């Protein structure tokens, strides 16, 4: 009986490992092929039979991207927008999450329902309304226009997650501050926010990723190349008669690095924050 149980456990472990290896290859091979394409000349991309590594691999595509001021501007724009969206989203979400977690006020359930429902709205259905609104406000082809629009899609998730995370913290923490003569503002910024750093990191990394990779509104709400972001910059490498495939892949690799670095730096806190925020939603 014991032998049969051990055999089953071994088969189960082997099955799990096999599934993980297959899943890892499925996720990693496209990235490896993208990296391989970025190291080829444009003429070698469609050679038959295809080769992952060619003898004449070079970094010319990267040199072309990094040596082009217009394309570097795409990265600068993405950094400005993504960092601004992350900071402002966290600030607003902390205040909103604290209000939902610690206070009861008229219309609270209605506002909660609206926040959740926004998550279910397909972004493409909002392109025309937001385009008209941004133009009417004079924010077309500006950083504020992109930042405010991105926040519409990052705030609901951030508020939900931070509210859930604050719900896991005992209200006695707030009460102890008030006993010492502090205010709710003091309790939030001096006690709850420092304790909630793992959750805030999880929300911040997710928010940065959403803003950095956003394509639809970055295309619709900008007109000139000096306001375009990295996803639009990649698209602009698709010419009418030819595609710069190696440069497209090189720019994709360079565009993936900031998100990858953020995740690697805050991996433990990111996962811990997501887990903690899901305990008491």
Protein backbone atom coordinates (compact mmCIF):
# COMPACT_ATOMS: atom_id res chain seq x y z
CA UNK A 1 0.00 0.00 0.00
CA UNK A 2 2.82 2.35 0.96
CA UNK A 3 4.69 1.51 -2.24
CA UNK A 4 1.61 2.30 -4.32
CA UNK A 5 1.18 5.64 -2.55
CA UNK A 6 4.82 6.60 -3.14
CA UNK A 7 4.51 5.63 -6.79
CA UNK A 8 1.47 7.83 -7.18
CA UNK A 9 3.26 10.72 -5.49
CA UNK A 10 6.24 10.32 -7.82
CA UNK A 11 3.99 10.28 -10.88
CA UNK A 12 2.16 13.35 -9.55
CA UNK A 13 5.45 15.23 -9.05
CA UNK A 14 6.68 14.16 -12.47
CA UNK A 15 3.43 15.36 -14.02
CA UNK A 16 3.67 18.73 -12.27
CA UNK A 17 7.32 19.18 -13.30
CA UNK A 18 6.49 18.22 -16.88
CA UNK A 19 3.65 20.74 -16.96
CA UNK A 20 5.89 23.46 -15.53
CA UNK A 21 8.62 22.74 -18.10
CA UNK A 22 6.12 22.82 -20.97
CA UNK A 23 4.57 26.03 -19.66
CA UNK A 24 8.02 27.58 -19.19
CA UNK A 25 9.04 26.71 -22.74
CA UNK A 26 5.73 27.99 -24.09
CA UNK A 27 6.35 31.34 -22.36
CA UNK A 28 10.09 31.59 -22.97
CA UNK A 29 10.44 30.54 -26.61
CA UNK A 30 8.67 33.61 -28.09
CA UNK A 31 10.93 35.86 -25.99
CA UNK A 32 14.03 33.94 -27.12
CA UNK A 33 12.91 34.20 -30.73
CA UNK A 34 12.31 37.94 -30.29
CA UNK A 35 15.84 38.30 -28.88
CA UNK A 36 17.23 36.19 -31.73
CA UNK A 37 15.46 38.33 -34.35
CA UNK A 38 16.84 41.50 -32.80
CA UNK A 39 20.36 40.18 -33.33
CA UNK A 40 19.85 39.39 -37.03
CA UNK A 41 19.92 41.56 -40.09
CA UNK A 42 16.53 42.29 -41.58
CA UNK A 43 17.27 39.97 -44.50
CA UNK A 44 18.02 37.00 -42.23
CA UNK A 45 14.69 37.14 -40.38
CA UNK A 46 12.86 35.01 -42.97
CA UNK A 47 15.70 32.69 -43.95
CA UNK A 48 14.75 29.06 -44.51
CA UNK A 49 15.38 26.95 -42.51
CA UNK A 50 15.07 29.40 -39.60
CA UNK A 51 17.95 29.64 -37.15
CA UNK A 52 17.83 30.80 -33.55
CA UNK A 53 21.44 32.01 -33.71
CA UNK A 54 23.20 32.99 -36.91
CA UNK A 55 26.93 33.34 -37.50
CA UNK A 56 26.59 37.00 -38.45
CA UNK A 57 24.59 38.13 -35.42
CA UNK A 58 25.14 41.76 -34.45
CA UNK A 59 23.83 44.55 -32.23
CA UNK A 60 23.21 46.88 -35.15
CA UNK A 61 19.47 47.04 -34.45
CA UNK A 62 20.10 48.12 -30.86
CA UNK A 63 22.67 50.68 -31.99
CA UNK A 64 20.14 52.04 -34.47
CA UNK A 65 17.48 52.39 -31.76
CA UNK A 66 19.75 53.84 -29.08
CA UNK A 67 21.44 56.17 -31.55
CA UNK A 68 18.18 57.65 -32.78
CA UNK A 69 17.01 60.63 -30.72
CA UNK A 70 13.43 60.34 -31.95
CA UNK A 71 13.16 56.75 -30.78
CA UNK A 72 14.79 57.52 -27.43
CA UNK A 73 12.07 60.13 -27.01
CA UNK A 74 9.50 57.30 -27.05
CA UNK A 75 11.19 55.78 -24.01
CA UNK A 76 11.34 59.13 -22.21
CA UNK A 77 7.62 59.67 -22.81
CA UNK A 78 6.79 56.19 -21.53
CA UNK A 79 8.85 56.77 -18.37
CA UNK A 80 7.22 60.14 -17.70
CA UNK A 81 3.68 58.85 -18.20
CA UNK A 82 4.15 55.50 -16.41
CA UNK A 83 5.87 56.99 -13.34
CA UNK A 84 3.34 59.82 -13.07
CA UNK A 85 0.43 57.39 -13.41
CA UNK A 86 1.95 55.09 -10.76
CA UNK A 87 2.56 57.85 -8.21
CA UNK A 88 -0.81 59.55 -8.68
CA UNK A 89 -2.69 56.25 -8.72
CA UNK A 90 -1.07 55.15 -5.46
CA UNK A 91 -1.78 58.52 -3.81
CA UNK A 92 -5.46 58.56 -4.78
CA UNK A 93 -5.93 54.84 -4.11
CA UNK A 94 -4.42 55.10 -0.62
CA UNK A 95 -6.84 57.86 0.33
CA UNK A 96 -9.82 56.13 -1.26
CA UNK A 97 -8.89 52.72 0.15
CA UNK A 98 -8.53 54.19 3.65
CA UNK A 99 -11.95 55.82 3.38
CA UNK A 100 -13.62 52.59 2.22
CA UNK A 101 -11.80 50.49 4.82
CA UNK A 102 -12.23 52.66 7.90
CA UNK A 103 -15.34 54.80 7.40
CA UNK A 104 -19.00 54.41 6.55
CA UNK A 105 -20.57 57.16 4.46
CA UNK A 106 -23.67 57.68 2.27
CA UNK A 107 -23.40 56.14 -1.19
CA UNK A 108 -20.48 53.90 -0.24
CA UNK A 109 -21.98 50.76 -1.78
CA UNK A 110 -22.94 52.64 -4.94
CA UNK A 111 -19.44 54.03 -5.37
CA UNK A 112 -18.00 50.56 -4.77
CA UNK A 113 -20.27 49.14 -7.46
CA UNK A 114 -19.21 51.85 -9.91
CA UNK A 115 -15.52 51.16 -9.23
CA UNK A 116 -15.98 47.44 -9.82
CA UNK A 117 -18.11 47.99 -12.94
CA UNK A 118 -15.43 50.17 -14.54
CA UNK A 119 -13.18 47.11 -14.55
CA UNK A 120 -15.72 45.30 -16.73
CA UNK A 121 -15.96 47.99 -19.42
CA UNK A 122 -13.90 47.18 -22.57
CA UNK A 123 -11.47 50.10 -23.06
CA UNK A 124 -12.13 50.25 -26.81
CA UNK A 125 -15.74 51.32 -26.16
CA UNK A 126 -14.44 54.43 -24.39
CA UNK A 127 -12.04 55.63 -27.09
CA UNK A 128 -14.43 58.07 -28.79
CA UNK A 129 -15.90 59.52 -25.55
CA UNK A 130 -12.46 60.05 -24.03
CA UNK A 131 -11.10 61.51 -27.26
CA UNK A 132 -13.90 64.09 -27.29
CA UNK A 133 -13.41 64.86 -23.59
CA UNK A 134 -9.64 65.24 -23.86
CA UNK A 135 -9.95 67.51 -26.90
CA UNK A 136 -12.63 69.62 -25.16
CA UNK A 137 -10.37 70.06 -22.12
CA UNK A 138 -7.42 71.08 -24.29
CA UNK A 139 -5.37 68.06 -23.20
CA UNK A 140 -4.99 66.40 -26.60
CA UNK A 141 -1.37 65.48 -27.40
CA UNK A 142 -0.20 66.31 -23.85
CA UNK A 143 1.17 64.35 -20.91
CA UNK A 144 -1.76 65.23 -18.61
CA UNK A 145 -4.20 63.86 -21.18
CA UNK A 146 -2.42 60.49 -21.28
CA UNK A 147 -1.84 60.37 -17.53
CA UNK A 148 -5.45 61.09 -16.57
CA UNK A 149 -6.77 58.62 -19.13
CA UNK A 150 -4.45 55.83 -17.94
CA UNK A 151 -5.52 56.51 -14.36
CA UNK A 152 -9.13 55.77 -15.26
CA UNK A 153 -8.09 52.15 -15.87
CA UNK A 154 -5.48 51.78 -13.12
CA UNK A 155 -7.41 53.38 -10.24
CA UNK A 156 -10.26 50.84 -9.88
CA UNK A 157 -7.89 47.90 -9.42
CA UNK A 158 -5.63 49.92 -7.13
CA UNK A 159 -8.53 51.03 -4.91
CA UNK A 160 -9.92 47.50 -4.67
CA UNK A 161 -6.52 46.00 -3.77
CA UNK A 162 -5.53 48.67 -1.24
CA UNK A 163 -8.96 48.55 0.42
CA UNK A 164 -8.64 44.77 0.72
CA UNK A 165 -5.13 45.11 2.13
CA UNK A 166 -6.16 47.73 4.71
CA UNK A 167 -9.06 45.48 5.73
CA UNK A 168 -6.47 42.93 6.91
CA UNK A 169 -4.99 45.47 9.36
CA UNK A 170 -6.69 45.71 12.77
CA UNK A 171 -8.60 48.92 13.51
CA UNK A 172 -6.96 48.95 16.94
CA UNK A 173 -3.93 50.50 15.21
CA UNK A 174 -5.99 53.56 14.32
CA UNK A 175 -7.56 53.71 17.76
CA UNK A 176 -4.17 53.60 19.52
CA UNK A 177 -3.05 56.64 17.49
CA UNK A 178 -6.22 58.55 18.39
CA UNK A 179 -5.74 57.68 22.08
CA UNK A 180 -2.33 59.35 21.87
CA UNK A 181 -3.93 62.48 20.42
CA UNK A 182 -3.33 61.73 16.75
CA UNK A 183 -5.78 62.09 13.89
CA UNK A 184 -6.95 59.74 11.18
CA UNK A 185 -4.47 61.45 8.86
CA UNK A 186 -1.65 60.63 11.28
CA UNK A 187 -2.79 57.02 11.62
CA UNK A 188 -2.87 56.62 7.84
CA UNK A 189 0.52 58.06 6.92
CA UNK A 190 2.57 57.14 10.00
CA UNK A 191 1.16 53.73 10.83
CA UNK A 192 -0.92 52.12 8.08
CA UNK A 193 1.05 53.18 4.99
CA UNK A 194 4.45 51.94 6.31
CA UNK A 195 2.84 48.62 7.28
CA UNK A 196 1.18 48.34 3.86
CA UNK A 197 4.38 48.69 1.82
CA UNK A 198 4.17 45.12 0.33
CA UNK A 199 0.63 45.79 -0.89
CA UNK A 200 1.56 49.22 -2.23
CA UNK A 201 4.51 47.74 -4.13
CA UNK A 202 2.25 45.11 -5.70
CA UNK A 203 -0.23 47.76 -6.80
CA UNK A 204 2.56 50.09 -7.98
CA UNK A 205 4.27 47.46 -10.14
CA UNK A 206 0.97 46.41 -11.67
CA UNK A 207 0.02 50.03 -12.35
CA UNK A 208 3.39 50.76 -13.98
CA UNK A 209 3.02 47.68 -16.21
CA UNK A 210 -0.46 48.69 -17.35
CA UNK A 211 0.58 52.24 -18.19
CA UNK A 212 3.88 51.25 -19.82
CA UNK A 213 2.23 48.73 -22.16
CA UNK A 214 -0.91 50.75 -22.98
CA UNK A 215 -1.34 51.17 -26.73
CA UNK A 216 -4.87 52.16 -27.70
CA UNK A 217 -5.19 55.50 -25.92
CA UNK A 218 -1.52 56.39 -26.44
CA UNK A 219 -2.23 56.12 -30.18
CA UNK A 220 -5.57 57.93 -30.10
CA UNK A 221 -4.70 60.82 -27.77
CA UNK A 222 -1.35 61.80 -29.30
CA UNK A 223 -0.58 63.33 -32.68
CA UNK A 224 3.13 64.16 -32.90
CA UNK A 225 6.09 61.79 -32.56
CA UNK A 226 7.50 63.79 -29.64
CA UNK A 227 4.50 62.63 -27.54
CA UNK A 228 4.39 58.99 -28.64
CA UNK A 229 5.23 56.16 -26.24
CA UNK A 230 7.19 52.93 -26.78
CA UNK A 231 4.27 50.77 -28.08
CA UNK A 232 3.51 53.42 -30.71
CA UNK A 233 7.21 53.75 -31.52
CA UNK A 234 7.33 50.03 -32.30
CA UNK A 235 4.36 50.39 -34.62
CA UNK A 236 6.03 53.29 -36.45
CA UNK A 237 8.80 50.90 -37.51
CA UNK A 238 6.22 49.25 -39.78
CA UNK A 239 6.63 51.13 -43.04
CA UNK A 240 4.32 51.14 -46.04
CA UNK A 241 6.59 48.92 -48.11
CA UNK A 242 8.89 47.29 -45.53
CA UNK A 243 9.03 46.34 -41.88
CA UNK A 244 12.17 46.80 -39.78
CA UNK A 245 11.67 43.51 -37.99
CA UNK A 246 15.05 43.45 -36.24
CA UNK A 247 14.58 46.99 -34.91
CA UNK A 248 11.02 46.21 -33.85
CA UNK A 249 12.26 43.25 -31.83
CA UNK A 250 15.18 45.24 -30.41
CA UNK A 251 12.82 48.00 -29.30
CA UNK A 252 10.48 45.38 -27.81
CA UNK A 253 13.36 43.90 -25.81
CA UNK A 254 14.44 47.34 -24.59
CA UNK A 255 10.83 48.16 -23.76
CA UNK A 256 10.49 44.99 -21.68
CA UNK A 257 13.53 45.71 -19.51
CA UNK A 258 11.99 48.32 -17.13
CA UNK A 259 9.04 46.08 -16.26
CA UNK A 260 11.33 43.05 -15.87
CA UNK A 261 13.71 44.97 -13.58
CA UNK A 262 10.82 46.23 -11.44
CA UNK A 263 9.41 42.74 -11.06
CA UNK A 264 12.80 41.20 -10.19
CA UNK A 265 13.55 43.93 -7.62
CA UNK A 266 10.19 43.65 -5.88
CA UNK A 267 9.26 40.05 -6.69
CA UNK A 268 8.79 38.85 -3.11
CA UNK A 269 6.85 41.90 -1.99
CA UNK A 270 4.83 41.90 -5.20
CA UNK A 271 3.64 38.32 -4.67
CA UNK A 272 3.24 38.83 -0.92
CA UNK A 273 1.20 41.98 -1.49
CA UNK A 274 -1.13 40.27 -3.95
CA UNK A 275 -1.61 37.34 -1.57
CA UNK A 276 -2.26 39.51 1.48
CA UNK A 277 -4.69 41.69 -0.44
CA UNK A 278 -6.70 38.63 -1.40
CA UNK A 279 -7.16 37.35 2.16
CA UNK A 280 -9.97 39.63 3.32
CA UNK A 281 -11.49 41.33 0.30
